[in-house]
Amino acid sequence: MKIEMTELEPCRFSIHYEADALEIMNKRAEVMKAFKKAPVPGNRPGHASNDAIRVHYGKQIEESLKRALAEDSFHNTLFEKKIKPHGAPHFNNLLLDGGKFVCEFEVLTKPEFDLADWKSLEIPKPHDTQTIEEVSEKMMQELRVRAGEVTPYNDTDFVQQGDNVIVDYEGFVDGVKVDSLCATGEMMTIGGSSLEGFENNLLGMNVGETREFDFVAPSTGLPSLSGKVVHFKATISTGAKTVPCGLDDELAKKFGKETFKDLQEVVNQTAFGRVANMQRLQVHQAVSKRLVADNKISVPNWMTVSEAQYLAQQSKLDWAVMQDSDKEAFISMAEQNVKLALILDRIREEEPEAQLSEQEVFQVIKQNLAQTKTDKNIDEVIQQMSKTGYLQILFSRIKDEHAMDFVIKNVKIVE
């Protein structure tokens, strides 16, 4: 065999591979063996001659041989050049001509770095942002609203706190319409979102009324809009008021419990779990920051941009038309995500307990899908995720979560 490897950019290589005659001959024999059991007209199953098989399956045999040689070229390259791939290869050219096979493909690799000591990490114990009692009270009020009586707006009703409204709005910055600040038929619970300043401007409006107002974009949003004055034009399409249910046994029965005391016990248990999850999330964030800060990794540009585009897509933003300042913000977040994923990958290599097998990951995915109570067949849902490429992303996320749980169990939480 002959392998020529050219670095196109950091962690991205172009490979030129040529197989020798012996490789091709051995691989052709393997392919012919696989076709031996294939049905050939005029011959008993498994008894057709090689010549008869070649005549009947000539094109399929050559295609199978090309694919098999291409797969071998990838694995041989990994072994000979001692590289760790990131994902599957991308083949640009495959040529099989008699006793000669040549292929060209690109390989992405993981950046090399020295894994910092993580087992001696000490993380401050997170402070409780909400008590169990506060979470329990909030949950109970939410249940009251869910079980309450909903009354559509009449001609005299106007928008108040707690109402559900459907609103159309357009946002303008310096007189220019901004698509990401526009919506049609958006459902909104007044007082239920982080955009309190926006919602307050809707208070007192009637159905069909249009109101214009200015709103200063928060610093937590896109950098290109942060702190800028947005001029909104909003119209209330319709709305409904909800009269919360009383805190009594009737409320409990609507949620499958006999008494209000029974419901309160369930809510308290759930609140305890939510507070524990919030604490775990705080530890997760603290450990993630320390891991990224302690490990010096030079992340290739193609890795960062790919993750940034995925994050933008998840935020329902079009990368192609985003402003540079917004792209830079997503790239910054993406770089941290990629670094953490690379670190967790290295930890998995060194710690068997931090690993999950492919079968175990599939089991987690199936369990999660079963809990969604979807009407679709689970296997069909998984196949669809595989076609869209989401399955691979989900695999990585689940493996990273398991590895992070392993790390958290091994670090020291100090008071």
Protein backbone atom coordinates (compact mmCIF):
# COMPACT_ATOMS: atom_id res chain seq x y z
CA MET A 1 0.00 0.00 0.00
CA LYS A 2 0.99 3.64 -0.43
CA ILE A 3 -0.29 6.43 1.82
CA GLU A 4 0.34 10.13 1.30
CA MET A 5 -0.98 12.46 4.01
CA THR A 6 -1.27 16.24 3.60
CA GLU A 7 -2.42 18.64 6.35
CA LEU A 8 -4.97 21.06 4.89
CA GLU A 9 -5.51 22.92 8.16
CA PRO A 10 -5.17 21.99 11.83
CA CYS A 11 -6.75 18.58 12.45
CA ARG A 12 -7.88 18.22 8.82
CA PHE A 13 -5.91 15.98 6.46
CA SER A 14 -6.12 14.94 2.83
CA ILE A 15 -5.21 11.29 2.19
CA HIS A 16 -4.04 9.72 -1.08
CA TYR A 17 -4.15 5.93 -0.81
CA GLU A 18 -3.07 3.27 -3.30
CA ALA A 19 -3.71 -0.42 -2.66
CA ASP A 20 -1.26 -3.04 -3.93
CA ALA A 21 -2.28 -6.00 -6.08
CA LEU A 22 -2.28 -8.44 -3.15
CA GLU A 23 -4.71 -6.26 -1.16
CA ILE A 24 -7.08 -6.10 -4.10
CA MET A 25 -6.86 -9.84 -4.77
CA ASN A 26 -7.56 -10.78 -1.13
CA LYS A 27 -10.43 -8.34 -0.82
CA ARG A 28 -11.95 -9.54 -4.13
CA ALA A 29 -11.91 -13.09 -2.76
CA GLU A 30 -13.79 -11.92 0.36
CA VAL A 31 -16.40 -10.15 -1.75
CA MET A 32 -16.84 -13.16 -4.03
CA LYS A 33 -17.33 -15.35 -0.97
CA ALA A 34 -20.11 -13.05 0.20
CA PHE A 35 -21.83 -13.32 -3.22
CA LYS A 36 -21.44 -17.12 -3.27
CA LYS A 37 -24.82 -17.63 -1.59
CA ALA A 38 -26.62 -15.13 -3.82
CA PRO A 39 -29.21 -16.69 -6.19
CA VAL A 40 -28.07 -17.17 -9.79
CA PRO A 41 -30.66 -18.26 -12.43
CA GLY A 42 -30.08 -21.83 -13.62
CA ASN A 43 -27.96 -22.80 -10.60
CA ARG A 44 -28.72 -24.38 -7.25
CA PRO A 45 -28.31 -22.00 -4.28
CA GLY A 46 -24.64 -21.83 -3.31
CA HIS A 47 -23.44 -23.95 -6.25
CA ALA A 48 -22.99 -21.35 -9.00
CA SER A 49 -19.46 -21.02 -10.45
CA ASN A 50 -17.43 -17.86 -9.93
CA ASP A 51 -17.77 -17.08 -13.64
CA ALA A 52 -21.57 -17.38 -13.45
CA ILE A 53 -21.63 -15.12 -10.36
CA ARG A 54 -19.44 -12.52 -12.11
CA VAL A 55 -21.70 -12.52 -15.18
CA HIS A 56 -24.87 -12.07 -13.10
CA TYR A 57 -23.52 -9.71 -10.39
CA GLY A 58 -20.58 -8.08 -12.13
CA LYS A 59 -21.55 -4.46 -11.42
CA GLN A 60 -22.60 -5.14 -7.82
CA ILE A 61 -19.36 -7.03 -7.16
CA GLU A 62 -17.23 -4.14 -8.39
CA GLU A 63 -19.17 -1.62 -6.30
CA SER A 64 -18.92 -3.82 -3.20
CA LEU A 65 -15.19 -4.26 -3.81
CA LYS A 66 -14.67 -0.49 -4.11
CA ARG A 67 -16.54 0.13 -0.86
CA ALA A 68 -14.63 -2.61 0.94
CA LEU A 69 -11.26 -1.30 -0.29
CA ALA A 70 -12.23 2.25 0.66
CA GLU A 71 -13.12 1.12 4.19
CA ASP A 72 -9.80 -0.72 4.46
CA SER A 73 -7.93 2.35 3.20
CA PHE A 74 -9.41 4.41 6.05
CA HIS A 75 -8.59 1.88 8.77
CA ASN A 76 -5.11 1.18 7.35
CA THR A 77 -4.40 4.91 7.34
CA LEU A 78 -5.45 5.23 10.98
CA PHE A 79 -3.18 2.34 11.94
CA GLU A 80 -0.16 3.34 9.86
CA LYS A 81 -0.27 7.06 10.65
CA LYS A 82 -1.42 6.56 14.26
CA ILE A 83 -4.17 9.17 14.14
CA LYS A 84 -7.44 9.44 16.06
CA PRO A 85 -10.32 10.37 13.76
CA HIS A 86 -13.17 12.71 14.55
CA GLY A 87 -16.17 11.30 12.71
CA ALA A 88 -16.27 9.40 9.43
CA PRO A 89 -13.99 10.09 6.42
CA HIS A 90 -15.18 12.05 3.40
CA PHE A 91 -14.23 10.30 0.15
CA ASN A 92 -13.60 12.53 -2.85
CA ASN A 93 -12.52 9.93 -5.39
CA LEU A 94 -12.55 6.14 -5.79
CA LEU A 95 -10.87 4.46 -8.76
CA LEU A 96 -10.81 0.70 -9.32
CA ASP A 97 -9.23 -0.33 -12.60
CA GLY A 98 -8.26 -3.96 -12.90
CA GLY A 99 -5.41 -4.56 -10.48
CA LYS A 100 -5.21 -0.94 -9.35
CA PHE A 101 -7.19 0.83 -6.63
CA VAL A 102 -6.67 4.51 -5.79
CA CYS A 103 -8.76 6.67 -3.48
CA GLU A 104 -8.62 10.14 -1.99
CA PHE A 105 -10.40 11.18 1.17
CA GLU A 106 -10.32 13.69 4.01
CA VAL A 107 -9.92 12.83 7.66
CA LEU A 108 -10.76 15.08 10.59
CA THR A 109 -8.80 14.42 13.79
CA LYS A 110 -9.05 15.41 17.43
CA PRO A 111 -6.54 17.98 18.67
CA GLU A 112 -3.83 16.65 20.98
CA PHE A 113 -3.52 18.07 24.49
CA ASP A 114 -2.30 17.07 27.96
CA LEU A 115 -5.25 16.26 30.22
CA ALA A 116 -4.98 18.27 33.43
CA ASP A 117 -5.48 16.61 36.81
CA TRP A 118 -9.23 16.65 37.44
CA LYS A 119 -9.50 14.16 40.28
CA SER A 120 -8.19 16.68 42.83
CA LEU A 121 -10.69 19.38 41.83
CA GLU A 122 -12.40 21.20 44.71
CA ILE A 123 -15.70 22.89 43.88
CA PRO A 124 -17.50 25.26 46.29
CA LYS A 125 -20.89 23.96 47.37
CA PRO A 126 -23.56 25.90 45.44
CA HIS A 127 -25.84 28.28 47.28
CA ASP A 128 -29.55 27.54 47.13
CA THR A 129 -31.21 30.03 44.80
CA GLN A 130 -34.67 28.84 45.89
CA THR A 131 -35.82 26.88 48.92
CA ILE A 132 -37.98 23.78 48.69
CA GLU A 133 -40.83 25.77 50.26
CA GLU A 134 -40.56 28.50 47.60
CA VAL A 135 -40.50 26.00 44.75
CA SER A 136 -43.41 24.09 46.27
CA GLU A 137 -45.47 27.27 46.58
CA LYS A 138 -44.77 28.25 42.97
CA MET A 139 -45.69 24.77 41.72
CA MET A 140 -48.96 24.82 43.65
CA GLN A 141 -49.91 28.18 42.14
CA GLU A 142 -49.13 26.79 38.68
CA LEU A 143 -51.43 23.83 39.36
CA ARG A 144 -54.17 26.21 40.46
CA VAL A 145 -53.91 28.03 37.14
CA ARG A 146 -53.79 24.81 35.09
CA ALA A 147 -56.94 23.55 36.81
CA GLY A 148 -58.64 26.94 36.72
CA GLU A 149 -61.57 28.05 34.60
CA VAL A 150 -60.54 29.61 31.30
CA THR A 151 -62.80 32.31 29.88
CA PRO A 152 -62.19 33.81 26.41
CA TYR A 153 -62.03 37.62 26.19
CA ASN A 154 -65.25 39.43 25.56
CA ASP A 155 -65.62 42.90 24.07
CA THR A 156 -64.92 44.66 27.35
CA ASP A 157 -61.96 42.58 28.58
CA PHE A 158 -58.44 43.95 28.51
CA VAL A 159 -54.99 42.49 29.08
CA GLN A 160 -54.03 41.88 32.72
CA GLN A 161 -51.35 39.96 34.60
CA GLY A 162 -51.77 36.18 34.22
CA ASP A 163 -53.82 36.40 31.00
CA ASN A 164 -52.99 34.26 27.98
CA VAL A 165 -52.94 36.31 24.80
CA ILE A 166 -52.14 35.77 21.15
CA VAL A 167 -50.18 38.69 19.78
CA ASP A 168 -48.69 39.77 16.44
CA TYR A 169 -45.70 42.08 16.64
CA GLU A 170 -42.94 43.64 14.58
CA GLY A 171 -39.68 45.08 15.91
CA PHE A 172 -37.63 47.86 14.33
CA VAL A 173 -34.11 49.08 15.16
CA ASP A 174 -33.15 52.46 13.74
CA GLY A 175 -36.18 52.24 11.47
CA VAL A 176 -35.15 48.86 10.01
CA LYS A 177 -37.39 45.83 10.53
CA VAL A 178 -35.61 42.96 12.33
CA ASP A 179 -36.99 39.54 11.37
CA SER A 180 -35.89 37.89 14.63
CA LEU A 181 -38.01 40.46 16.52
CA CYS A 182 -41.20 39.71 14.60
CA ALA A 183 -43.88 37.08 15.18
CA THR A 184 -47.40 36.25 14.05
CA GLY A 185 -49.84 34.46 16.32
CA GLU A 186 -47.45 34.08 19.24
CA MET A 187 -49.05 32.83 22.45
CA MET A 188 -47.87 34.64 25.56
CA THR A 189 -48.71 34.47 29.26
CA ILE A 190 -48.50 37.97 30.71
CA GLY A 191 -46.01 37.92 33.56
CA GLY A 192 -44.70 34.49 32.58
CA SER A 193 -41.59 35.36 30.58
CA SER A 194 -38.27 37.10 31.15
CA LEU A 195 -39.28 40.01 28.88
CA GLU A 196 -41.19 41.80 31.62
CA GLY A 197 -40.66 45.20 30.02
CA PHE A 198 -42.21 44.01 26.76
CA GLU A 199 -45.21 42.40 28.44
CA ASN A 200 -45.91 45.45 30.63
CA ASN A 201 -46.49 47.46 27.46
CA LEU A 202 -49.35 45.10 26.55
CA LEU A 203 -51.25 45.66 29.79
CA GLY A 204 -54.63 47.32 29.30
CA MET A 205 -54.90 46.49 25.58
CA ASN A 206 -58.17 45.22 24.07
CA VAL A 207 -58.66 42.59 21.36
CA GLY A 208 -57.86 44.09 17.96
CA GLU A 209 -56.00 47.04 19.44
CA THR A 210 -52.58 47.98 18.08
CA ARG A 211 -50.01 49.72 20.24
CA GLU A 212 -46.54 51.07 19.46
CA PHE A 213 -43.85 51.37 22.13
CA ASP A 214 -40.08 51.34 22.65
CA PHE A 215 -38.22 48.61 24.50
CA VAL A 216 -34.53 48.39 25.39
CA ALA A 217 -33.14 44.99 24.37
CA PRO A 218 -31.58 43.13 27.35
CA SER A 219 -27.84 42.45 27.54
CA THR A 220 -28.56 38.70 27.77
CA GLY A 221 -29.73 38.55 24.15
CA LEU A 222 -27.88 38.85 20.87
CA PRO A 223 -24.86 41.20 21.09
CA SER A 224 -25.98 43.06 17.97
CA LEU A 225 -29.19 44.09 19.78
CA SER A 226 -27.94 44.42 23.35
CA GLY A 227 -28.85 47.78 24.85
CA LYS A 228 -30.45 49.06 21.66
CA VAL A 229 -33.88 50.67 21.57
CA VAL A 230 -36.36 48.47 19.71
CA HIS A 231 -39.55 50.07 18.42
CA PHE A 232 -42.39 47.55 18.57
CA LYS A 233 -45.76 47.53 16.87
CA ALA A 234 -48.01 44.97 18.58
CA THR A 235 -51.61 43.85 18.00
CA ILE A 236 -53.68 41.65 20.35
CA SER A 237 -55.51 39.03 18.26
CA THR A 238 -57.36 37.30 21.08
CA GLY A 239 -56.94 36.34 24.69
CA ALA A 240 -58.34 34.47 27.67
CA LYS A 241 -58.53 34.93 31.43
CA THR A 242 -58.00 32.15 33.94
CA VAL A 243 -59.66 32.02 37.37
CA PRO A 244 -57.35 29.83 39.51
CA CYS A 245 -58.86 26.83 41.28
CA GLY A 246 -59.10 26.93 45.07
CA LEU A 247 -56.57 25.23 47.36
CA ASP A 248 -58.88 22.38 48.34
CA ASP A 249 -59.73 18.73 47.72
CA GLU A 250 -61.36 19.61 44.40
CA LEU A 251 -57.97 20.78 43.14
CA ALA A 252 -56.40 17.52 44.33
CA LYS A 253 -59.00 15.38 42.54
CA LYS A 254 -58.30 17.15 39.26
CA PHE A 255 -54.76 15.79 39.49
CA GLY A 256 -55.70 12.27 40.58
CA LYS A 257 -55.39 12.68 44.37
CA GLU A 258 -58.07 12.20 47.02
CA THR A 259 -57.25 15.10 49.32
CA PHE A 260 -55.38 18.39 49.21
CA LYS A 261 -52.93 16.95 51.75
CA ASP A 262 -52.09 14.12 49.31
CA LEU A 263 -51.49 16.62 46.54
CA GLN A 264 -49.32 18.76 48.82
CA GLU A 265 -47.12 15.76 49.64
CA VAL A 266 -46.57 15.02 45.94
CA VAL A 267 -45.79 18.67 45.21
CA ASN A 268 -43.30 18.80 48.10
CA GLN A 269 -41.53 15.67 46.84
CA THR A 270 -41.35 17.09 43.32
CA ALA A 271 -40.07 20.41 44.67
CA PHE A 272 -37.35 18.57 46.59
CA GLY A 273 -36.28 16.89 43.33
CA ARG A 274 -36.27 20.19 41.42
CA VAL A 275 -34.09 21.90 44.03
CA ALA A 276 -31.70 18.93 43.94
CA ASN A 277 -31.56 19.19 40.15
CA MET A 278 -30.85 22.92 40.35
CA GLN A 279 -28.00 22.23 42.75
CA ARG A 280 -26.66 19.53 40.47
CA LEU A 281 -26.83 21.92 37.51
CA GLN A 282 -24.84 24.50 39.47
CA VAL A 283 -22.17 21.90 40.27
CA HIS A 284 -22.19 20.78 36.63
CA GLN A 285 -21.58 24.36 35.46
CA ALA A 286 -18.83 24.93 38.03
CA VAL A 287 -17.02 21.70 37.13
CA SER A 288 -17.36 22.44 33.40
CA LYS A 289 -15.78 25.88 33.82
CA ARG A 290 -12.87 24.45 35.82
CA LEU A 291 -12.22 21.66 33.32
CA VAL A 292 -12.17 24.10 30.41
CA ALA A 293 -10.02 26.61 32.29
CA ASP A 294 -7.47 24.00 33.44
CA ASN A 295 -6.95 22.36 30.03
CA LYS A 296 -5.11 24.19 27.28
CA ILE A 297 -6.58 23.10 23.95
CA SER A 298 -6.14 24.63 20.52
CA VAL A 299 -9.52 23.99 18.91
CA PRO A 300 -9.52 23.94 15.08
CA ASN A 301 -11.72 26.50 13.39
CA TRP A 302 -13.89 23.95 11.55
CA MET A 303 -14.85 22.36 14.88
CA THR A 304 -15.84 25.65 16.47
CA VAL A 305 -17.81 26.95 13.47
CA SER A 306 -19.70 23.69 13.09
CA GLU A 307 -20.81 23.79 16.74
CA ALA A 308 -21.66 27.50 16.51
CA GLN A 309 -23.89 26.89 13.50
CA TYR A 310 -25.65 24.10 15.37
CA LEU A 311 -26.24 26.39 18.38
CA ALA A 312 -27.63 29.10 16.11
CA GLN A 313 -29.95 26.60 14.45
CA GLN A 314 -31.21 25.48 17.88
CA SER A 315 -31.98 29.15 18.59
CA LYS A 316 -33.91 29.29 15.29
CA LEU A 317 -31.46 31.76 13.77
CA ASP A 318 -30.15 31.77 10.20
CA TRP A 319 -26.35 31.69 10.33
CA ALA A 320 -26.08 32.97 6.76
CA VAL A 321 -27.70 36.31 7.59
CA MET A 322 -26.50 36.80 11.17
CA GLN A 323 -24.38 39.81 12.01
CA ASP A 324 -20.69 39.26 12.73
CA SER A 325 -21.02 40.28 16.39
CA ASP A 326 -23.72 37.63 16.90
CA LYS A 327 -21.66 34.99 15.12
CA GLU A 328 -18.71 35.81 17.37
CA ALA A 329 -20.91 35.31 20.45
CA PHE A 330 -22.02 31.88 19.22
CA ILE A 331 -18.45 30.96 18.28
CA SER A 332 -17.30 31.87 21.79
CA MET A 333 -19.96 29.60 23.32
CA ALA A 334 -19.16 26.88 20.79
CA GLU A 335 -15.46 26.91 21.63
CA GLN A 336 -16.25 26.24 25.30
CA ASN A 337 -18.63 23.41 24.33
CA VAL A 338 -16.07 21.79 22.02
CA LYS A 339 -13.30 22.01 24.62
CA LEU A 340 -15.50 20.40 27.26
CA ALA A 341 -16.52 17.60 24.85
CA LEU A 342 -12.85 16.91 24.01
CA ILE A 343 -11.93 16.82 27.69
CA LEU A 344 -14.76 14.41 28.53
CA ASP A 345 -13.73 12.26 25.58
CA ARG A 346 -10.19 11.98 26.98
CA ILE A 347 -11.56 11.13 30.43
CA ARG A 348 -13.62 8.33 28.86
CA GLU A 349 -10.48 6.95 27.24
CA GLU A 350 -8.76 6.74 30.62
CA GLU A 351 -11.70 5.78 32.84
CA PRO A 352 -13.80 2.73 31.87
CA GLU A 353 -16.53 3.71 34.36
CA ALA A 354 -17.02 6.99 32.48
CA GLN A 355 -17.90 5.11 29.30
CA LEU A 356 -21.22 3.96 27.88
CA SER A 357 -21.50 1.30 25.20
CA GLU A 358 -23.47 1.94 22.01
CA GLN A 359 -26.14 -0.47 23.28
CA GLU A 360 -26.40 1.39 26.60
CA VAL A 361 -26.81 4.73 24.79
CA PHE A 362 -29.54 3.26 22.59
CA GLN A 363 -31.28 2.01 25.73
CA VAL A 364 -31.20 5.51 27.26
CA ILE A 365 -32.63 7.00 24.06
CA LYS A 366 -35.44 4.43 23.93
CA GLN A 367 -36.30 4.99 27.59
CA ASN A 368 -36.47 8.74 27.06
CA LEU A 369 -38.66 8.34 23.98
CA ALA A 370 -40.96 5.95 25.86
CA GLN A 371 -41.47 8.61 28.56
CA THR A 372 -42.63 11.14 25.95
CA LYS A 373 -45.66 8.92 25.26
CA THR A 374 -45.32 9.45 21.53
CA ASP A 375 -47.76 7.66 19.24
CA LYS A 376 -44.97 6.91 16.75
CA ASN A 377 -43.01 3.67 16.75
CA ILE A 378 -39.79 4.22 18.73
CA ASP A 379 -37.61 2.45 16.15
CA GLU A 380 -39.08 4.64 13.40
CA VAL A 381 -38.35 7.78 15.43
CA ILE A 382 -34.75 6.64 15.89
CA GLN A 383 -34.41 5.96 12.15
CA GLN A 384 -35.71 9.45 11.39
CA MET A 385 -33.23 10.98 13.84
CA SER A 386 -30.47 9.03 12.12
CA LYS A 387 -31.46 10.42 8.71
CA THR A 388 -31.43 14.01 9.95
CA GLY A 389 -28.09 13.58 11.74
CA TYR A 390 -29.62 14.34 15.13
CA LEU A 391 -29.00 10.81 16.40
CA GLN A 392 -25.24 11.27 16.28
CA ILE A 393 -25.54 14.55 18.19
CA LEU A 394 -27.79 12.87 20.77
CA PHE A 395 -25.30 10.02 21.16
CA SER A 396 -22.52 12.50 21.94
CA ARG A 397 -24.68 14.44 24.41
CA ILE A 398 -25.67 11.30 26.35
CA LYS A 399 -22.08 10.05 26.52
CA ASP A 400 -20.89 13.46 27.70
CA GLU A 401 -23.60 13.64 30.38
CA HIS A 402 -22.59 10.21 31.69
CA ALA A 403 -18.91 11.18 31.74
CA MET A 404 -19.73 14.45 33.52
CA ASP A 405 -21.75 12.57 36.14
CA PHE A 406 -18.69 10.36 36.69
CA VAL A 407 -16.45 13.41 37.09
CA ILE A 408 -18.84 15.10 39.54
CA LYS A 409 -18.90 11.96 41.71
CA ASN A 410 -15.12 12.08 41.94
CA VAL A 411 -14.51 15.77 42.63
CA LYS A 412 -14.64 17.26 46.12
CA ILE A 413 -17.49 19.62 47.00
CA VAL A 414 -16.34 21.97 49.76
CA GLU A 415 -18.42 24.17 52.06
